[in-house]
Amino acid sequence: MKVLMINGSPKKNGNTYTALHEMETIFEQEGIETEILHIGNKDIRRCISCGRYWNGIHGSAPGEAKGDVAGLQMMRTLARNMSFLMKSIAPGKEKYSVPAREPFTRTNFIC
């Protein structure tokens, strides 16, 4: 199992990275491989710090997120819950298999 975490912040090692790294630590403890992909320096639309998002960890100045103990705990809890779900799905697939997929039917919604 592998988790790909995407860091869209223009600051590669900023507060977003701190949140992702907190989760990465838990995933590694749970035996789940991780990769943090930094795309904030790519020529694509990135985070513009609009402040209109829900964030589990807070900090505006570099390093501030490290002081948000409640936010860090939220990131660890999220990673533990995700690990549990990922580990639970694998045995379920083996025991019950994945649901059968219906063939695709094209329609134009005209009756």
PDB file of N, CA and C in Angstrom:
ATOM      1  N   MET A   1       0.848  -1.179   0.000  1.00  0.00           N
ATOM      2  CA  MET A   1       0.000   0.000   0.000  1.00  0.00           C
ATOM      3  C   MET A   1       0.889   1.236   0.000  1.00  0.00           C
ATOM      4  N   LYS A   2       0.418   2.240  -0.676  1.00  0.00           N
ATOM      5  CA  LYS A   2       1.178   3.484  -0.746  1.00  0.00           C
ATOM      6  C   LYS A   2       0.218   4.657  -0.730  1.00  0.00           C
ATOM      7  N   VAL A   3       0.612   5.706  -0.014  1.00  0.00           N
ATOM      8  CA  VAL A   3      -0.160   6.939   0.034  1.00  0.00           C
ATOM      9  C   VAL A   3       0.662   8.025  -0.648  1.00  0.00           C
ATOM     10  N   LEU A   4       0.045   8.688  -1.609  1.00  0.00           N
ATOM     11  CA  LEU A   4       0.672   9.817  -2.281  1.00  0.00           C
ATOM     12  C   LEU A   4       0.058  11.084  -1.696  1.00  0.00           C
ATOM     13  N   MET A   5       0.890  11.907  -1.088  1.00  0.00           N
ATOM     14  CA  MET A   5       0.427  13.177  -0.516  1.00  0.00           C
ATOM     15  C   MET A   5       0.959  14.303  -1.388  1.00  0.00           C
ATOM     16  N   ILE A   6       0.077  15.207  -1.765  1.00  0.00           N
ATOM     17  CA  ILE A   6       0.447  16.287  -2.683  1.00  0.00           C
ATOM     18  C   ILE A   6       0.538  17.597  -1.923  1.00  0.00           C
ATOM     19  N   ASN A   7       1.713  18.204  -1.997  1.00  0.00           N
ATOM     20  CA  ASN A   7       1.961  19.498  -1.366  1.00  0.00           C
ATOM     21  C   ASN A   7       1.866  20.570  -2.446  1.00  0.00           C
ATOM     22  N   GLY A   8       0.769  21.317  -2.437  1.00  0.00           N
ATOM     23  CA  GLY A   8       0.561  22.351  -3.443  1.00  0.00           C
ATOM     24  C   GLY A   8       1.062  23.714  -3.024  1.00  0.00           C
ATOM     25  N   SER A   9       1.648  23.803  -1.841  1.00  0.00           N
ATOM     26  CA  SER A   9       2.151  25.085  -1.355  1.00  0.00           C
ATOM     27  C   SER A   9       3.403  25.493  -2.126  1.00  0.00           C
ATOM     28  N   PRO A  10       3.562  26.787  -2.387  1.00  0.00           N
ATOM     29  CA  PRO A  10       4.792  27.227  -3.035  1.00  0.00           C
ATOM     30  C   PRO A  10       6.014  27.067  -2.117  1.00  0.00           C
ATOM     31  N   LYS A  11       5.772  26.926  -0.812  1.00  0.00           N
ATOM     32  CA  LYS A  11       6.859  26.750   0.156  1.00  0.00           C
ATOM     33  C   LYS A  11       7.052  25.259   0.408  1.00  0.00           C
ATOM     34  N   LYS A  12       8.086  24.675  -0.185  1.00  0.00           N
ATOM     35  CA  LYS A  12       8.300  23.232  -0.144  1.00  0.00           C
ATOM     36  C   LYS A  12       8.333  22.671   1.278  1.00  0.00           C
ATOM     37  N   ASN A  13       8.969  23.343   2.193  1.00  0.00           N
ATOM     38  CA  ASN A  13       9.106  22.849   3.564  1.00  0.00           C
ATOM     39  C   ASN A  13       8.366  23.724   4.564  1.00  0.00           C
ATOM     40  N   GLY A  14       7.252  24.297   4.130  1.00  0.00           N
ATOM     41  CA  GLY A  14       6.476  25.191   4.987  1.00  0.00           C
ATOM     42  C   GLY A  14       5.481  24.441   5.861  1.00  0.00           C
ATOM     43  N   ASN A  15       4.420  25.139   6.244  1.00  0.00           N
ATOM     44  CA  ASN A  15       3.431  24.595   7.168  1.00  0.00           C
ATOM     45  C   ASN A  15       2.625  23.443   6.567  1.00  0.00           C
ATOM     46  N   THR A  16       2.356  23.481   5.262  1.00  0.00           N
ATOM     47  CA  THR A  16       1.656  22.368   4.616  1.00  0.00           C
ATOM     48  C   THR A  16       2.512  21.116   4.691  1.00  0.00           C
ATOM     49  N   TYR A  17       3.805  21.274   4.445  1.00  0.00           N
ATOM     50  CA  TYR A  17       4.719  20.141   4.556  1.00  0.00           C
ATOM     51  C   TYR A  17       4.720  19.594   5.990  1.00  0.00           C
ATOM     52  N   THR A  18       4.692  20.486   6.981  1.00  0.00           N
ATOM     53  CA  THR A  18       4.669  20.055   8.384  1.00  0.00           C
ATOM     54  C   THR A  18       3.465  19.152   8.635  1.00  0.00           C
ATOM     55  N   ALA A  19       2.291  19.538   8.128  1.00  0.00           N
ATOM     56  CA  ALA A  19       1.083  18.727   8.308  1.00  0.00           C
ATOM     57  C   ALA A  19       1.229  17.376   7.610  1.00  0.00           C
ATOM     58  N   LEU A  20       1.719  17.385   6.372  1.00  0.00           N
ATOM     59  CA  LEU A  20       1.883  16.138   5.627  1.00  0.00           C
ATOM     60  C   LEU A  20       2.935  15.238   6.270  1.00  0.00           C
ATOM     61  N   HIS A  21       4.004  15.838   6.758  1.00  0.00           N
ATOM     62  CA  HIS A  21       5.064  15.055   7.394  1.00  0.00           C
ATOM     63  C   HIS A  21       4.568  14.402   8.684  1.00  0.00           C
ATOM     64  N   GLU A  22       3.700  15.079   9.408  1.00  0.00           N
ATOM     65  CA  GLU A  22       3.118  14.503  10.624  1.00  0.00           C
ATOM     66  C   GLU A  22       2.336  13.238  10.264  1.00  0.00           C
ATOM     67  N   MET A  23       1.592  13.296   9.175  1.00  0.00           N
ATOM     68  CA  MET A  23       0.840  12.128   8.708  1.00  0.00           C
ATOM     69  C   MET A  23       1.795  11.043   8.197  1.00  0.00           C
ATOM     70  N   GLU A  24       2.825  11.460   7.489  1.00  0.00           N
ATOM     71  CA  GLU A  24       3.802  10.511   6.946  1.00  0.00           C
ATOM     72  C   GLU A  24       4.423   9.666   8.058  1.00  0.00           C
ATOM     73  N   THR A  25       4.712  10.274   9.198  1.00  0.00           N
ATOM     74  CA  THR A  25       5.292   9.565  10.338  1.00  0.00           C
ATOM     75  C   THR A  25       4.380   8.429  10.799  1.00  0.00           C
ATOM     76  N   ILE A  26       3.080   8.702  10.878  1.00  0.00           N
ATOM     77  CA  ILE A  26       2.117   7.689  11.313  1.00  0.00           C
ATOM     78  C   ILE A  26       1.992   6.589  10.261  1.00  0.00           C
ATOM     79  N   PHE A  27       1.892   6.978   8.989  1.00  0.00           N
ATOM     80  CA  PHE A  27       1.800   5.971   7.932  1.00  0.00           C
ATOM     81  C   PHE A  27       2.996   5.017   7.990  1.00  0.00           C
ATOM     82  N   GLU A  28       4.193   5.556   8.196  1.00  0.00           N
ATOM     83  CA  GLU A  28       5.385   4.717   8.277  1.00  0.00           C
ATOM     84  C   GLU A  28       5.305   3.779   9.478  1.00  0.00           C
ATOM     85  N   GLN A  29       4.810   4.281  10.616  1.00  0.00           N
ATOM     86  CA  GLN A  29       4.630   3.427  11.795  1.00  0.00           C
ATOM     87  C   GLN A  29       3.643   2.300  11.506  1.00  0.00           C
ATOM     88  N   GLU A  30       2.670   2.568  10.647  1.00  0.00           N
ATOM     89  CA  GLU A  30       1.644   1.588  10.296  1.00  0.00           C
ATOM     90  C   GLU A  30       2.089   0.671   9.155  1.00  0.00           C
ATOM     91  N   GLY A  31       3.319   0.865   8.675  1.00  0.00           N
ATOM     92  CA  GLY A  31       3.836   0.014   7.606  1.00  0.00           C
ATOM     93  C   GLY A  31       3.334   0.384   6.226  1.00  0.00           C
ATOM     94  N   ILE A  32       2.896   1.624   6.057  1.00  0.00           N
ATOM     95  CA  ILE A  32       2.368   2.081   4.772  1.00  0.00           C
ATOM     96  C   ILE A  32       3.381   3.032   4.139  1.00  0.00           C
ATOM     97  N   GLU A  33       3.755   2.716   2.911  1.00  0.00           N
ATOM     98  CA  GLU A  33       4.720   3.530   2.177  1.00  0.00           C
ATOM     99  C   GLU A  33       4.087   4.867   1.810  1.00  0.00           C
ATOM    100  N   THR A  34       4.878   5.923   1.836  1.00  0.00           N
ATOM    101  CA  THR A  34       4.363   7.249   1.489  1.00  0.00           C
ATOM    102  C   THR A  34       5.313   7.955   0.529  1.00  0.00           C
ATOM    103  N   GLU A  35       4.731   8.917  -0.137  1.00  0.00           N
ATOM    104  CA  GLU A  35       5.525   9.824  -0.969  1.00  0.00           C
ATOM    105  C   GLU A  35       4.860  11.186  -0.888  1.00  0.00           C
ATOM    106  N   ILE A  36       5.664  12.207  -0.624  1.00  0.00           N
ATOM    107  CA  ILE A  36       5.155  13.582  -0.655  1.00  0.00           C
ATOM    108  C   ILE A  36       5.640  14.192  -1.957  1.00  0.00           C
ATOM    109  N   LEU A  37       4.682  14.571  -2.786  1.00  0.00           N
ATOM    110  CA  LEU A  37       4.996  15.173  -4.078  1.00  0.00           C
ATOM    111  C   LEU A  37       4.765  16.670  -3.970  1.00  0.00           C
ATOM    112  N   HIS A  38       5.833  17.434  -4.172  1.00  0.00           N
ATOM    113  CA  HIS A  38       5.721  18.894  -4.096  1.00  0.00           C
ATOM    114  C   HIS A  38       5.444  19.439  -5.490  1.00  0.00           C
ATOM    115  N   ILE A  39       4.265  20.029  -5.671  1.00  0.00           N
ATOM    116  CA  ILE A  39       3.909  20.576  -6.984  1.00  0.00           C
ATOM    117  C   ILE A  39       3.775  22.097  -6.945  1.00  0.00           C
ATOM    118  N   GLY A  40       3.979  22.690  -5.781  1.00  0.00           N
ATOM    119  CA  GLY A  40       3.815  24.138  -5.639  1.00  0.00           C
ATOM    120  C   GLY A  40       4.819  24.948  -6.421  1.00  0.00           C
ATOM    121  N   ASN A  41       5.875  24.305  -6.899  1.00  0.00           N
ATOM    122  CA  ASN A  41       6.890  25.001  -7.689  1.00  0.00           C
ATOM    123  C   ASN A  41       6.749  24.705  -9.182  1.00  0.00           C
ATOM    124  N   LYS A  42       5.673  24.010  -9.557  1.00  0.00           N
ATOM    125  CA  LYS A  42       5.441  23.667 -10.964  1.00  0.00           C
ATOM    126  C   LYS A  42       4.613  24.754 -11.639  1.00  0.00           C
ATOM    127  N   ASP A  43       4.634  24.747 -12.957  1.00  0.00           N
ATOM    128  CA  ASP A  43       3.897  25.734 -13.726  1.00  0.00           C
ATOM    129  C   ASP A  43       2.434  25.306 -13.865  1.00  0.00           C
ATOM    130  N   ILE A  44       1.783  25.178 -12.725  1.00  0.00           N
ATOM    131  CA  ILE A  44       0.359  24.875 -12.657  1.00  0.00           C
ATOM    132  C   ILE A  44      -0.234  25.780 -11.598  1.00  0.00           C
ATOM    133  N   ARG A  45      -1.528  25.919 -11.616  1.00  0.00           N
ATOM    134  CA  ARG A  45      -2.148  26.780 -10.610  1.00  0.00           C
ATOM    135  C   ARG A  45      -1.935  26.160  -9.241  1.00  0.00           C
ATOM    136  N   ARG A  46      -1.442  26.940  -8.330  1.00  0.00           N
ATOM    137  CA  ARG A  46      -1.145  26.428  -6.995  1.00  0.00           C
ATOM    138  C   ARG A  46      -1.938  27.190  -5.948  1.00  0.00           C
ATOM    139  N   CYS A  47      -1.724  26.824  -4.728  1.00  0.00           N
ATOM    140  CA  CYS A  47      -2.367  27.496  -3.602  1.00  0.00           C
ATOM    141  C   CYS A  47      -2.034  28.986  -3.649  1.00  0.00           C
ATOM    142  N   ILE A  48      -3.064  29.797  -3.552  1.00  0.00           N
ATOM    143  CA  ILE A  48      -2.848  31.244  -3.556  1.00  0.00           C
ATOM    144  C   ILE A  48      -3.094  31.840  -2.175  1.00  0.00           C
ATOM    145  N   SER A  49      -3.138  30.971  -1.164  1.00  0.00           N
ATOM    146  CA  SER A  49      -3.337  31.392   0.230  1.00  0.00           C
ATOM    147  C   SER A  49      -4.576  32.253   0.383  1.00  0.00           C
ATOM    148  N   CYS A  50      -5.683  31.777  -0.199  1.00  0.00           N
ATOM    149  CA  CYS A  50      -6.928  32.546  -0.152  1.00  0.00           C
ATOM    150  C   CYS A  50      -7.583  32.479   1.227  1.00  0.00           C
ATOM    151  N   GLY A  51      -7.250  31.452   2.012  1.00  0.00           N
ATOM    152  CA  GLY A  51      -7.828  31.306   3.335  1.00  0.00           C
ATOM    153  C   GLY A  51      -9.250  30.776   3.329  1.00  0.00           C
ATOM    154  N   ARG A  52      -9.745  30.299   2.195  1.00  0.00           N
ATOM    155  CA  ARG A  52     -11.124  29.817   2.085  1.00  0.00           C
ATOM    156  C   ARG A  52     -11.208  28.294   2.115  1.00  0.00           C
ATOM    157  N   TYR A  53     -10.361  27.663   2.825  1.00  0.00           N
ATOM    158  CA  TYR A  53     -10.349  26.212   2.881  1.00  0.00           C
ATOM    159  C   TYR A  53     -10.382  25.782   4.333  1.00  0.00           C
ATOM    160  N   TRP A  54     -10.813  24.538   4.538  1.00  0.00           N
ATOM    161  CA  TRP A  54     -10.752  23.976   5.877  1.00  0.00           C
ATOM    162  C   TRP A  54      -9.386  23.353   6.027  1.00  0.00           C
ATOM    163  N   ASN A  55      -8.738  23.703   7.086  1.00  0.00           N
ATOM    164  CA  ASN A  55      -7.403  23.191   7.311  1.00  0.00           C
ATOM    165  C   ASN A  55      -7.326  22.643   8.722  1.00  0.00           C
ATOM    166  N   GLY A  56      -6.743  21.480   8.897  1.00  0.00           N
ATOM    167  CA  GLY A  56      -6.640  20.868  10.210  1.00  0.00           C
ATOM    168  C   GLY A  56      -5.472  21.381  11.017  1.00  0.00           C
ATOM    169  N   ILE A  57      -4.601  22.123  10.393  1.00  0.00           N
ATOM    170  CA  ILE A  57      -3.430  22.650  11.095  1.00  0.00           C
ATOM    171  C   ILE A  57      -3.276  24.109  10.699  1.00  0.00           C
ATOM    172  N   HIS A  58      -2.859  24.924  11.637  1.00  0.00           N
ATOM    173  CA  HIS A  58      -2.815  26.365  11.381  1.00  0.00           C
ATOM    174  C   HIS A  58      -1.404  26.919  11.548  1.00  0.00           C
ATOM    175  N   GLY A  59      -1.124  27.908  10.764  1.00  0.00           N
ATOM    176  CA  GLY A  59       0.141  28.616  10.820  1.00  0.00           C
ATOM    177  C   GLY A  59       0.322  29.421   9.562  1.00  0.00           C
ATOM    178  N   SER A  60       0.658  30.690   9.722  1.00  0.00           N
ATOM    179  CA  SER A  60       0.902  31.513   8.541  1.00  0.00           C
ATOM    180  C   SER A  60       2.388  31.735   8.328  1.00  0.00           C
ATOM    181  N   ALA A  61       3.094  32.004   9.396  1.00  0.00           N
ATOM    182  CA  ALA A  61       4.532  32.211   9.286  1.00  0.00           C
ATOM    183  C   ALA A  61       5.229  30.849   9.258  1.00  0.00           C
ATOM    184  N   PRO A  62       6.366  30.784   8.585  1.00  0.00           N
ATOM    185  CA  PRO A  62       7.095  29.518   8.520  1.00  0.00           C
ATOM    186  C   PRO A  62       7.346  28.947   9.918  1.00  0.00           C
ATOM    187  N   GLY A  63       7.032  27.671  10.077  1.00  0.00           N
ATOM    188  CA  GLY A  63       7.274  26.990  11.346  1.00  0.00           C
ATOM    189  C   GLY A  63       6.162  27.093  12.366  1.00  0.00           C
ATOM    190  N   GLU A  64       5.186  27.981  12.155  1.00  0.00           N
ATOM    191  CA  GLU A  64       4.099  28.145  13.132  1.00  0.00           C
ATOM    192  C   GLU A  64       3.292  26.876  13.325  1.00  0.00           C
ATOM    193  N   ALA A  65       3.127  26.090  12.269  1.00  0.00           N
ATOM    194  CA  ALA A  65       2.317  24.877  12.361  1.00  0.00           C
ATOM    195  C   ALA A  65       2.882  23.897  13.382  1.00  0.00           C
ATOM    196  N   LYS A  66       4.183  23.934  13.597  1.00  0.00           N
ATOM    197  CA  LYS A  66       4.803  23.032  14.572  1.00  0.00           C
ATOM    198  C   LYS A  66       4.310  23.312  15.992  1.00  0.00           C
ATOM    199  N   GLY A  67       3.782  24.490  16.231  1.00  0.00           N
ATOM    200  CA  GLY A  67       3.260  24.846  17.545  1.00  0.00           C
ATOM    201  C   GLY A  67       1.779  24.549  17.713  1.00  0.00           C
ATOM    202  N   ASP A  68       1.110  24.154  16.651  1.00  0.00           N
ATOM    203  CA  ASP A  68      -0.320  23.855  16.717  1.00  0.00           C
ATOM    204  C   ASP A  68      -0.495  22.393  17.132  1.00  0.00           C
ATOM    205  N   VAL A  69      -0.416  22.127  18.439  1.00  0.00           N
ATOM    206  CA  VAL A  69      -0.462  20.745  18.924  1.00  0.00           C
ATOM    207  C   VAL A  69      -1.803  20.077  18.621  1.00  0.00           C
ATOM    208  N   ALA A  70      -2.892  20.825  18.660  1.00  0.00           N
ATOM    209  CA  ALA A  70      -4.203  20.243  18.332  1.00  0.00           C
ATOM    210  C   ALA A  70      -4.265  19.890  16.850  1.00  0.00           C
ATOM    211  N   GLY A  71      -3.757  20.753  16.001  1.00  0.00           N
ATOM    212  CA  GLY A  71      -3.736  20.482  14.566  1.00  0.00           C
ATOM    213  C   GLY A  71      -2.844  19.301  14.223  1.00  0.00           C
ATOM    214  N   LEU A  72      -1.681  19.200  14.878  1.00  0.00           N
ATOM    215  CA  LEU A  72      -0.788  18.068  14.652  1.00  0.00           C
ATOM    216  C   LEU A  72      -1.455  16.767  15.089  1.00  0.00           C
ATOM    217  N   GLN A  73      -2.170  16.825  16.215  1.00  0.00           N
ATOM    218  CA  GLN A  73      -2.889  15.639  16.678  1.00  0.00           C
ATOM    219  C   GLN A  73      -3.964  15.241  15.665  1.00  0.00           C
ATOM    220  N   MET A  74      -4.647  16.225  15.088  1.00  0.00           N
ATOM    221  CA  MET A  74      -5.673  15.947  14.085  1.00  0.00           C
ATOM    222  C   MET A  74      -5.058  15.251  12.866  1.00  0.00           C
ATOM    223  N   MET A  75      -3.880  15.685  12.443  1.00  0.00           N
ATOM    224  CA  MET A  75      -3.207  15.062  11.299  1.00  0.00           C
ATOM    225  C   MET A  75      -2.823  13.623  11.626  1.00  0.00           C
ATOM    226  N   ARG A  76      -2.316  13.377  12.844  1.00  0.00           N
ATOM    227  CA  ARG A  76      -1.954  12.014  13.240  1.00  0.00           C
ATOM    228  C   ARG A  76      -3.189  11.113  13.289  1.00  0.00           C
ATOM    229  N   THR A  77      -4.289  11.633  13.845  1.00  0.00           N
ATOM    230  CA  THR A  77      -5.530  10.862  13.925  1.00  0.00           C
ATOM    231  C   THR A  77      -6.053  10.547  12.530  1.00  0.00           C
ATOM    232  N   LEU A  78      -6.014  11.513  11.643  1.00  0.00           N
ATOM    233  CA  LEU A  78      -6.438  11.293  10.261  1.00  0.00           C
ATOM    234  C   LEU A  78      -5.613  10.185   9.614  1.00  0.00           C
ATOM    235  N   ALA A  79      -4.302  10.227   9.809  1.00  0.00           N
ATOM    236  CA  ALA A  79      -3.423   9.211   9.222  1.00  0.00           C
ATOM    237  C   ALA A  79      -3.716   7.832   9.812  1.00  0.00           C
ATOM    238  N   ARG A  80      -3.965   7.760  11.119  1.00  0.00           N
ATOM    239  CA  ARG A  80      -4.291   6.466  11.736  1.00  0.00           C
ATOM    240  C   ARG A  80      -5.608   5.912  11.188  1.00  0.00           C
ATOM    241  N   ASN A  81      -6.609   6.783  11.045  1.00  0.00           N
ATOM    242  CA  ASN A  81      -7.900   6.343  10.508  1.00  0.00           C
ATOM    243  C   ASN A  81      -7.776   5.893   9.053  1.00  0.00           C
ATOM    244  N   MET A  82      -7.009   6.626   8.272  1.00  0.00           N
ATOM    245  CA  MET A  82      -6.793   6.237   6.879  1.00  0.00           C
ATOM    246  C   MET A  82      -6.058   4.900   6.810  1.00  0.00           C
ATOM    247  N   SER A  83      -5.072   4.708   7.682  1.00  0.00           N
ATOM    248  CA  SER A  83      -4.327   3.443   7.724  1.00  0.00           C
ATOM    249  C   SER A  83      -5.263   2.285   8.039  1.00  0.00           C
ATOM    250  N   PHE A  84      -6.130   2.486   9.016  1.00  0.00           N
ATOM    251  CA  PHE A  84      -7.099   1.458   9.391  1.00  0.00           C
ATOM    252  C   PHE A  84      -7.983   1.080   8.199  1.00  0.00           C
ATOM    253  N   LEU A  85      -8.502   2.086   7.528  1.00  0.00           N
ATOM    254  CA  LEU A  85      -9.377   1.818   6.382  1.00  0.00           C
ATOM    255  C   LEU A  85      -8.642   1.085   5.265  1.00  0.00           C
ATOM    256  N   MET A  86      -7.432   1.527   4.973  1.00  0.00           N
ATOM    257  CA  MET A  86      -6.666   0.885   3.909  1.00  0.00           C
ATOM    258  C   MET A  86      -6.375  -0.573   4.253  1.00  0.00           C
ATOM    259  N   LYS A  87      -6.016  -0.820   5.502  1.00  0.00           N
ATOM    260  CA  LYS A  87      -5.720  -2.181   5.924  1.00  0.00           C
ATOM    261  C   LYS A  87      -6.984  -3.036   5.978  1.00  0.00           C
ATOM    262  N   SER A  88      -8.123  -2.446   6.262  1.00  0.00           N
ATOM    263  CA  SER A  88      -9.382  -3.187   6.339  1.00  0.00           C
ATOM    264  C   SER A  88      -9.916  -3.552   4.963  1.00  0.00           C
ATOM    265  N   ILE A  89      -9.676  -2.719   4.000  1.00  0.00           N
ATOM    266  CA  ILE A  89     -10.183  -2.960   2.649  1.00  0.00           C
ATOM    267  C   ILE A  89      -9.489  -4.156   2.004  1.00  0.00           C
ATOM    268  N   ALA A  90      -8.186  -4.297   2.218  1.00  0.00           N
ATOM    269  CA  ALA A  90      -7.432  -5.386   1.586  1.00  0.00           C
ATOM    270  C   ALA A  90      -8.000  -6.764   1.946  1.00  0.00           C
ATOM    271  N   PRO A  91      -8.227  -7.103   3.237  1.00  0.00           N
ATOM    272  CA  PRO A  91      -8.806  -8.417   3.542  1.00  0.00           C
ATOM    273  C   PRO A  91     -10.229  -8.574   3.007  1.00  0.00           C
ATOM    274  N   GLY A  92     -10.970  -7.487   2.976  1.00  0.00           N
ATOM    275  CA  GLY A  92     -12.331  -7.540   2.438  1.00  0.00           C
ATOM    276  C   GLY A  92     -12.339  -7.905   0.969  1.00  0.00           C
ATOM    277  N   LYS A  93     -11.383  -7.387   0.217  1.00  0.00           N
ATOM    278  CA  LYS A  93     -11.280  -7.719  -1.209  1.00  0.00           C
ATOM    279  C   LYS A  93     -10.988  -9.198  -1.383  1.00  0.00           C
ATOM    280  N   GLU A  94     -10.114  -9.729  -0.522  1.00  0.00           N
ATOM    281  CA  GLU A  94      -9.765 -11.148  -0.619  1.00  0.00           C
ATOM    282  C   GLU A  94     -10.952 -12.031  -0.249  1.00  0.00           C
ATOM    283  N   LYS A  95     -11.662 -11.656   0.804  1.00  0.00           N
ATOM    284  CA  LYS A  95     -12.763 -12.482   1.288  1.00  0.00           C
ATOM    285  C   LYS A  95     -14.006 -12.370   0.410  1.00  0.00           C
ATOM    286  N   TYR A  96     -14.329 -11.147   0.006  1.00  0.00           N
ATOM    287  CA  TYR A  96     -15.588 -10.919  -0.713  1.00  0.00           C
ATOM    288  C   TYR A  96     -15.393 -10.586  -2.183  1.00  0.00           C
ATOM    289  N   SER A  97     -14.209 -10.284  -2.593  1.00  0.00           N
ATOM    290  CA  SER A  97     -13.853  -9.798  -3.926  1.00  0.00           C
ATOM    291  C   SER A  97     -14.516  -8.439  -4.200  1.00  0.00           C
ATOM    292  N   VAL A  98     -14.057  -7.811  -5.230  1.00  0.00           N
ATOM    293  CA  VAL A  98     -14.614  -6.500  -5.573  1.00  0.00           C
ATOM    294  C   VAL A  98     -15.944  -6.682  -6.279  1.00  0.00           C
ATOM    295  N   PRO A  99     -16.837  -5.722  -6.159  1.00  0.00           N
ATOM    296  CA  PRO A  99     -18.143  -5.854  -6.813  1.00  0.00           C
ATOM    297  C   PRO A  99     -17.995  -5.993  -8.325  1.00  0.00           C
ATOM    298  N   ALA A 100     -18.905  -6.757  -8.920  1.00  0.00           N
ATOM    299  CA  ALA A 100     -18.907  -6.916 -10.375  1.00  0.00           C
ATOM    300  C   ALA A 100     -19.196  -5.568 -11.027  1.00  0.00           C
ATOM    301  N   ARG A 101     -18.540  -5.321 -12.124  1.00  0.00           N
ATOM    302  CA  ARG A 101     -18.724  -4.061 -12.822  1.00  0.00           C
ATOM    303  C   ARG A 101     -19.683  -4.258 -13.976  1.00  0.00           C
ATOM    304  N   GLU A 102     -20.683  -3.412 -14.029  1.00  0.00           N
ATOM    305  CA  GLU A 102     -21.639  -3.471 -15.141  1.00  0.00           C
ATOM    306  C   GLU A 102     -21.001  -2.910 -16.391  1.00  0.00           C
ATOM    307  N   PRO A 103     -21.362  -3.471 -17.554  1.00  0.00           N
ATOM    308  CA  PRO A 103     -20.846  -2.890 -18.799  1.00  0.00           C
ATOM    309  C   PRO A 103     -21.391  -1.463 -18.963  1.00  0.00           C
ATOM    310  N   PHE A 104     -20.571  -0.616 -19.520  1.00  0.00           N
ATOM    311  CA  PHE A 104     -20.958   0.783 -19.729  1.00  0.00           C
ATOM    312  C   PHE A 104     -22.064   0.862 -20.771  1.00  0.00           C
ATOM    313  N   THR A 105     -23.085   1.644 -20.482  1.00  0.00           N
ATOM    314  CA  THR A 105     -24.183   1.875 -21.430  1.00  0.00           C
ATOM    315  C   THR A 105     -24.208   3.354 -21.766  1.00  0.00           C
ATOM    316  N   ARG A 106     -24.027   3.649 -23.039  1.00  0.00           N
ATOM    317  CA  ARG A 106     -24.049   5.042 -23.480  1.00  0.00           C
ATOM    318  C   ARG A 106     -25.498   5.471 -23.678  1.00  0.00           C
ATOM    319  N   THR A 107     -25.793   6.682 -23.279  1.00  0.00           N
ATOM    320  CA  THR A 107     -27.144   7.210 -23.468  1.00  0.00           C
ATOM    321  C   THR A 107     -27.065   8.711 -23.747  1.00  0.00           C
ATOM    322  N   ASN A 108     -28.112   9.224 -24.352  1.00  0.00           N
ATOM    323  CA  ASN A 108     -28.189  10.665 -24.571  1.00  0.00           C
ATOM    324  C   ASN A 108     -29.359  11.264 -23.811  1.00  0.00           C
ATOM    325  N   PHE A 109     -29.947  10.488 -22.912  1.00  0.00           N
ATOM    326  CA  PHE A 109     -31.033  10.919 -22.040  1.00  0.00           C
ATOM    327  C   PHE A 109     -32.316  11.304 -22.788  1.00  0.00           C
ATOM    328  N   ILE A 110     -32.491  10.821 -24.011  1.00  0.00           N
ATOM    329  CA  ILE A 110     -33.721  11.085 -24.768  1.00  0.00           C
ATOM    330  C   ILE A 110     -34.557   9.814 -24.728  1.00  0.00           C
ATOM    331  N   CYS A 111     -35.784   9.953 -24.286  1.00  0.00           N
ATOM    332  CA  CYS A 111     -36.667   8.781 -24.203  1.00  0.00           C
ATOM    333  C   CYS A 111     -37.645   8.760 -25.343  1.00  0.00           C
TER     334      CYS A 111
END
